Amino acid sequence: MTVTDSVDMEQAARRDRMSLLAKAPAERLAALWRDLGLAPDFTWLRTPEIGGVMVRGRTGGTGAPFNLGEMTVTRASVQLTGGAVGHAYVQGRDKDKARVAALIDALMQGGDAARIDAGVLAPLRAEQAAARHRRAAKAAATKVDFFTLVRGED
């Protein structure tokens, strides 16, 4: 494995982690964070700010991009006393969720990574996978198979 491959894997893992945190229900994330009992010392690089971003889409997933509309997001950045920097962008106006997500992002770069992964990220991954499975099962229940019978020649 080359250095470039290692960096790409770390970036992909961080991207997936930030996506998981952004999609997590705020109450569930707060409860898991509380259960860990961590209270790291940090300084704000960017206090939680509420703003808007333009959401873009593509027709059929492959067509020309178009502006779908705006979405409210909250962003935050923190720096731990050890120097690790964490960022978060979460949908909506939840400043506390942005703070917790940024702290988790920063802590995942240090020695508490395994503890945070087991205590926060693994349960969130399992819950999101279960939710995907429930949605897929519900959709599969409405599936209709169409078939054509071969008609004989008269």
C-alpha atoms as a PDB file:
ATOM      1  CA  MET A   1       0.000   0.000   0.000  1.00  0.00           C
ATOM      2  CA  THR A   2       1.389   3.376  -0.967  1.00  0.00           C
ATOM      3  CA  VAL A   3       1.201   6.565   1.055  1.00  0.00           C
ATOM      4  CA  THR A   4      -1.364   7.928  -1.384  1.00  0.00           C
ATOM      5  CA  ASP A   5      -3.588   4.877  -0.858  1.00  0.00           C
ATOM      6  CA  SER A   6      -3.338   5.326   2.913  1.00  0.00           C
ATOM      7  CA  VAL A   7      -4.300   9.003   2.684  1.00  0.00           C
ATOM      8  CA  ASP A   8      -7.212   8.164   0.369  1.00  0.00           C
ATOM      9  CA  MET A   9      -8.463   5.530   2.818  1.00  0.00           C
ATOM     10  CA  GLU A  10      -8.227   7.958   5.743  1.00  0.00           C
ATOM     11  CA  GLN A  11     -10.111  10.624   3.780  1.00  0.00           C
ATOM     12  CA  ALA A  12     -12.811   8.126   2.800  1.00  0.00           C
ATOM     13  CA  ALA A  13     -13.175   6.980   6.419  1.00  0.00           C
ATOM     14  CA  ARG A  14     -13.445  10.579   7.632  1.00  0.00           C
ATOM     15  CA  ARG A  15     -15.973  11.433   4.901  1.00  0.00           C
ATOM     16  CA  ASP A  16     -18.090   8.415   5.850  1.00  0.00           C
ATOM     17  CA  ARG A  17     -17.832   9.286   9.561  1.00  0.00           C
ATOM     18  CA  MET A  18     -18.880  12.896   8.969  1.00  0.00           C
ATOM     19  CA  SER A  19     -21.792  11.719   6.824  1.00  0.00           C
ATOM     20  CA  LEU A  20     -22.879   9.288   9.541  1.00  0.00           C
ATOM     21  CA  LEU A  21     -22.769  12.030  12.188  1.00  0.00           C
ATOM     22  CA  ALA A  22     -24.629  14.506   9.975  1.00  0.00           C
ATOM     23  CA  LYS A  23     -27.452  12.021   9.310  1.00  0.00           C
ATOM     24  CA  ALA A  24     -27.786  10.803  12.901  1.00  0.00           C
ATOM     25  CA  PRO A  25     -30.819  11.926  14.893  1.00  0.00           C
ATOM     26  CA  ALA A  26     -29.723  14.728  17.229  1.00  0.00           C
ATOM     27  CA  GLU A  27     -31.231  13.140  20.343  1.00  0.00           C
ATOM     28  CA  ARG A  28     -29.554   9.786  19.680  1.00  0.00           C
ATOM     29  CA  LEU A  29     -26.169  11.377  19.009  1.00  0.00           C
ATOM     30  CA  ALA A  30     -26.442  13.442  22.199  1.00  0.00           C
ATOM     31  CA  ALA A  31     -27.360  10.356  24.247  1.00  0.00           C
ATOM     32  CA  LEU A  32     -24.454   8.292  22.899  1.00  0.00           C
ATOM     33  CA  TRP A  33     -22.061  11.208  23.498  1.00  0.00           C
ATOM     34  CA  ARG A  34     -23.322  11.620  27.065  1.00  0.00           C
ATOM     35  CA  ASP A  35     -22.869   7.892  27.723  1.00  0.00           C
ATOM     36  CA  LEU A  36     -19.179   8.151  26.765  1.00  0.00           C
ATOM     37  CA  GLY A  37     -18.604  10.710  29.489  1.00  0.00           C
ATOM     38  CA  LEU A  38     -15.928  12.590  27.550  1.00  0.00           C
ATOM     39  CA  ALA A  39     -15.409  16.299  28.146  1.00  0.00           C
ATOM     40  CA  PRO A  40     -12.358  17.240  26.086  1.00  0.00           C
ATOM     41  CA  ASP A  41     -10.753  20.658  26.380  1.00  0.00           C
ATOM     42  CA  PHE A  42     -11.084  22.540  23.108  1.00  0.00           C
ATOM     43  CA  THR A  43     -11.126  25.967  21.568  1.00  0.00           C
ATOM     44  CA  TRP A  44     -13.540  27.137  18.940  1.00  0.00           C
ATOM     45  CA  LEU A  45     -12.073  27.739  15.506  1.00  0.00           C
ATOM     46  CA  ARG A  46     -15.578  28.446  14.242  1.00  0.00           C
ATOM     47  CA  THR A  47     -18.438  28.664  16.710  1.00  0.00           C
ATOM     48  CA  PRO A  48     -21.610  26.986  15.439  1.00  0.00           C
ATOM     49  CA  GLU A  49     -23.023  29.099  12.623  1.00  0.00           C
ATOM     50  CA  ILE A  50     -26.350  28.652  10.893  1.00  0.00           C
ATOM     51  CA  GLY A  51     -26.510  29.303   7.176  1.00  0.00           C
ATOM     52  CA  GLY A  52     -27.842  27.990   3.914  1.00  0.00           C
ATOM     53  CA  VAL A  53     -26.464  25.923   1.084  1.00  0.00           C
ATOM     54  CA  MET A  54     -27.804  25.328  -2.411  1.00  0.00           C
ATOM     55  CA  VAL A  55     -28.882  21.745  -3.005  1.00  0.00           C
ATOM     56  CA  ARG A  56     -28.262  20.534  -6.531  1.00  0.00           C
ATOM     57  CA  GLY A  57     -29.677  17.538  -8.314  1.00  0.00           C
ATOM     58  CA  ARG A  58     -29.400  15.701 -11.610  1.00  0.00           C
ATOM     59  CA  THR A  59     -32.234  14.428 -13.745  1.00  0.00           C
ATOM     60  CA  GLY A  60     -32.142  10.659 -13.562  1.00  0.00           C
ATOM     61  CA  GLY A  61     -28.937  10.876 -11.538  1.00  0.00           C
ATOM     62  CA  THR A  62     -26.856  11.415 -14.677  1.00  0.00           C
ATOM     63  CA  GLY A  63     -28.378  14.415 -16.446  1.00  0.00           C
ATOM     64  CA  ALA A  64     -27.426  18.054 -16.349  1.00  0.00           C
ATOM     65  CA  PRO A  65     -27.249  19.492 -12.827  1.00  0.00           C
ATOM     66  CA  PHE A  66     -29.968  21.863 -11.662  1.00  0.00           C
ATOM     67  CA  ASN A  67     -30.591  23.895  -8.502  1.00  0.00           C
ATOM     68  CA  LEU A  68     -33.169  22.085  -6.399  1.00  0.00           C
ATOM     69  CA  GLY A  69     -33.406  24.629  -3.588  1.00  0.00           C
ATOM     70  CA  GLU A  70     -31.755  25.819  -0.407  1.00  0.00           C
ATOM     71  CA  MET A  71     -31.216  23.886   2.806  1.00  0.00           C
ATOM     72  CA  THR A  72     -30.360  25.176   6.267  1.00  0.00           C
ATOM     73  CA  VAL A  73     -27.106  23.842   7.745  1.00  0.00           C
ATOM     74  CA  THR A  74     -25.087  24.442  10.884  1.00  0.00           C
ATOM     75  CA  ARG A  75     -21.310  24.253  10.793  1.00  0.00           C
ATOM     76  CA  ALA A  76     -18.682  24.256  13.520  1.00  0.00           C
ATOM     77  CA  SER A  77     -14.924  23.747  13.900  1.00  0.00           C
ATOM     78  CA  VAL A  78     -12.976  22.937  17.054  1.00  0.00           C
ATOM     79  CA  GLN A  79      -9.350  22.385  18.001  1.00  0.00           C
ATOM     80  CA  LEU A  80      -8.456  20.083  20.876  1.00  0.00           C
ATOM     81  CA  THR A  81      -5.658  21.024  23.258  1.00  0.00           C
ATOM     82  CA  GLY A  82      -3.547  18.296  21.594  1.00  0.00           C
ATOM     83  CA  GLY A  83      -3.873  20.062  18.233  1.00  0.00           C
ATOM     84  CA  ALA A  84      -6.416  17.850  16.431  1.00  0.00           C
ATOM     85  CA  VAL A  85      -8.984  19.818  14.453  1.00  0.00           C
ATOM     86  CA  GLY A  86     -12.560  18.668  13.928  1.00  0.00           C
ATOM     87  CA  HIS A  87     -15.242  19.995  11.602  1.00  0.00           C
ATOM     88  CA  ALA A  88     -18.952  19.378  11.268  1.00  0.00           C
ATOM     89  CA  TYR A  89     -21.750  20.327   8.902  1.00  0.00           C
ATOM     90  CA  VAL A  90     -25.211  19.172   9.964  1.00  0.00           C
ATOM     91  CA  GLN A  91     -28.617  19.707   8.430  1.00  0.00           C
ATOM     92  CA  GLY A  92     -30.865  22.107  10.274  1.00  0.00           C
ATOM     93  CA  ARG A  93     -30.318  24.612  13.064  1.00  0.00           C
ATOM     94  CA  ASP A  94     -28.889  22.363  15.807  1.00  0.00           C
ATOM     95  CA  LYS A  95     -25.793  24.040  17.249  1.00  0.00           C
ATOM     96  CA  ASP A  96     -25.242  21.380  19.914  1.00  0.00           C
ATOM     97  CA  LYS A  97     -25.291  18.581  17.329  1.00  0.00           C
ATOM     98  CA  ALA A  98     -22.688  20.481  15.282  1.00  0.00           C
ATOM     99  CA  ARG A  99     -20.496  20.887  18.391  1.00  0.00           C
ATOM    100  CA  VAL A 100     -20.689  17.194  19.282  1.00  0.00           C
ATOM    101  CA  ALA A 101     -20.031  16.096  15.689  1.00  0.00           C
ATOM    102  CA  ALA A 102     -16.983  18.392  15.441  1.00  0.00           C
ATOM    103  CA  LEU A 103     -15.623  17.078  18.759  1.00  0.00           C
ATOM    104  CA  ILE A 104     -16.075  13.478  17.614  1.00  0.00           C
ATOM    105  CA  ASP A 105     -14.312  14.278  14.338  1.00  0.00           C
ATOM    106  CA  ALA A 106     -11.367  15.744  16.250  1.00  0.00           C
ATOM    107  CA  LEU A 107     -11.211  12.943  18.832  1.00  0.00           C
ATOM    108  CA  MET A 108     -11.222  10.274  16.108  1.00  0.00           C
ATOM    109  CA  GLN A 109      -7.771  11.532  15.108  1.00  0.00           C
ATOM    110  CA  GLY A 110      -6.283  10.545  18.482  1.00  0.00           C
ATOM    111  CA  GLY A 111      -6.094   7.810  21.065  1.00  0.00           C
ATOM    112  CA  ASP A 112      -9.824   7.761  21.858  1.00  0.00           C
ATOM    113  CA  ALA A 113     -10.746   6.664  18.321  1.00  0.00           C
ATOM    114  CA  ALA A 114     -11.513   3.036  19.189  1.00  0.00           C
ATOM    115  CA  ARG A 115     -13.620   4.012  22.203  1.00  0.00           C
ATOM    116  CA  ILE A 116     -15.618   6.555  20.191  1.00  0.00           C
ATOM    117  CA  ASP A 117     -16.047   4.152  17.295  1.00  0.00           C
ATOM    118  CA  ALA A 118     -17.427   1.470  19.611  1.00  0.00           C
ATOM    119  CA  GLY A 119     -19.537   3.820  21.730  1.00  0.00           C
ATOM    120  CA  VAL A 120     -20.968   6.202  19.142  1.00  0.00           C
ATOM    121  CA  LEU A 121     -20.219   5.335  15.535  1.00  0.00           C
ATOM    122  CA  ALA A 122     -20.890   1.571  15.585  1.00  0.00           C
ATOM    123  CA  PRO A 123     -24.373   1.956  17.123  1.00  0.00           C
ATOM    124  CA  LEU A 124     -25.220   4.727  14.636  1.00  0.00           C
ATOM    125  CA  ARG A 125     -24.011   2.577  11.719  1.00  0.00           C
ATOM    126  CA  ALA A 126     -26.114  -0.358  12.912  1.00  0.00           C
ATOM    127  CA  GLU A 127     -29.203   1.825  13.365  1.00  0.00           C
ATOM    128  CA  GLN A 128     -28.826   3.400   9.920  1.00  0.00           C
ATOM    129  CA  ALA A 129     -28.339  -0.036   8.321  1.00  0.00           C
ATOM    130  CA  ALA A 130     -31.468  -1.320  10.099  1.00  0.00           C
ATOM    131  CA  ALA A 131     -33.441   1.709   8.902  1.00  0.00           C
ATOM    132  CA  ARG A 132     -32.261   1.093   5.313  1.00  0.00           C
ATOM    133  CA  HIS A 133     -33.276  -2.555   5.622  1.00  0.00           C
ATOM    134  CA  ARG A 134     -36.754  -1.614   6.925  1.00  0.00           C
ATOM    135  CA  ARG A 135     -37.255   0.844   4.041  1.00  0.00           C
ATOM    136  CA  ALA A 136     -36.106  -1.770   1.522  1.00  0.00           C
ATOM    137  CA  ALA A 137     -38.424  -4.407   3.017  1.00  0.00           C
ATOM    138  CA  LYS A 138     -41.353  -1.996   2.933  1.00  0.00           C
ATOM    139  CA  ALA A 139     -40.631  -1.147  -0.701  1.00  0.00           C
ATOM    140  CA  ALA A 140     -40.188  -4.821  -1.616  1.00  0.00           C
ATOM    141  CA  ALA A 141     -43.628  -5.586  -0.179  1.00  0.00           C
ATOM    142  CA  THR A 142     -45.177  -3.332  -2.821  1.00  0.00           C
ATOM    143  CA  LYS A 143     -43.219  -4.804  -5.722  1.00  0.00           C
ATOM    144  CA  VAL A 144     -45.293  -6.078  -8.604  1.00  0.00           C
ATOM    145  CA  ASP A 145     -43.864  -8.577 -11.059  1.00  0.00           C
ATOM    146  CA  PHE A 146     -45.282  -8.209 -14.529  1.00  0.00           C
ATOM    147  CA  PHE A 147     -45.104 -11.076 -16.906  1.00  0.00           C
ATOM    148  CA  THR A 148     -46.569 -11.902 -20.285  1.00  0.00           C
ATOM    149  CA  LEU A 149     -48.092 -15.215 -21.140  1.00  0.00           C
ATOM    150  CA  VAL A 150     -47.327 -16.514 -24.585  1.00  0.00           C
ATOM    151  CA  ARG A 151     -50.481 -16.648 -26.576  1.00  0.00           C
ATOM    152  CA  GLY A 152     -51.037 -19.414 -29.015  1.00  0.00           C
ATOM    153  CA  GLU A 153     -51.579 -18.707 -32.665  1.00  0.00           C
ATOM    154  CA  ASP A 154     -55.258 -18.994 -33.694  1.00  0.00           C
END
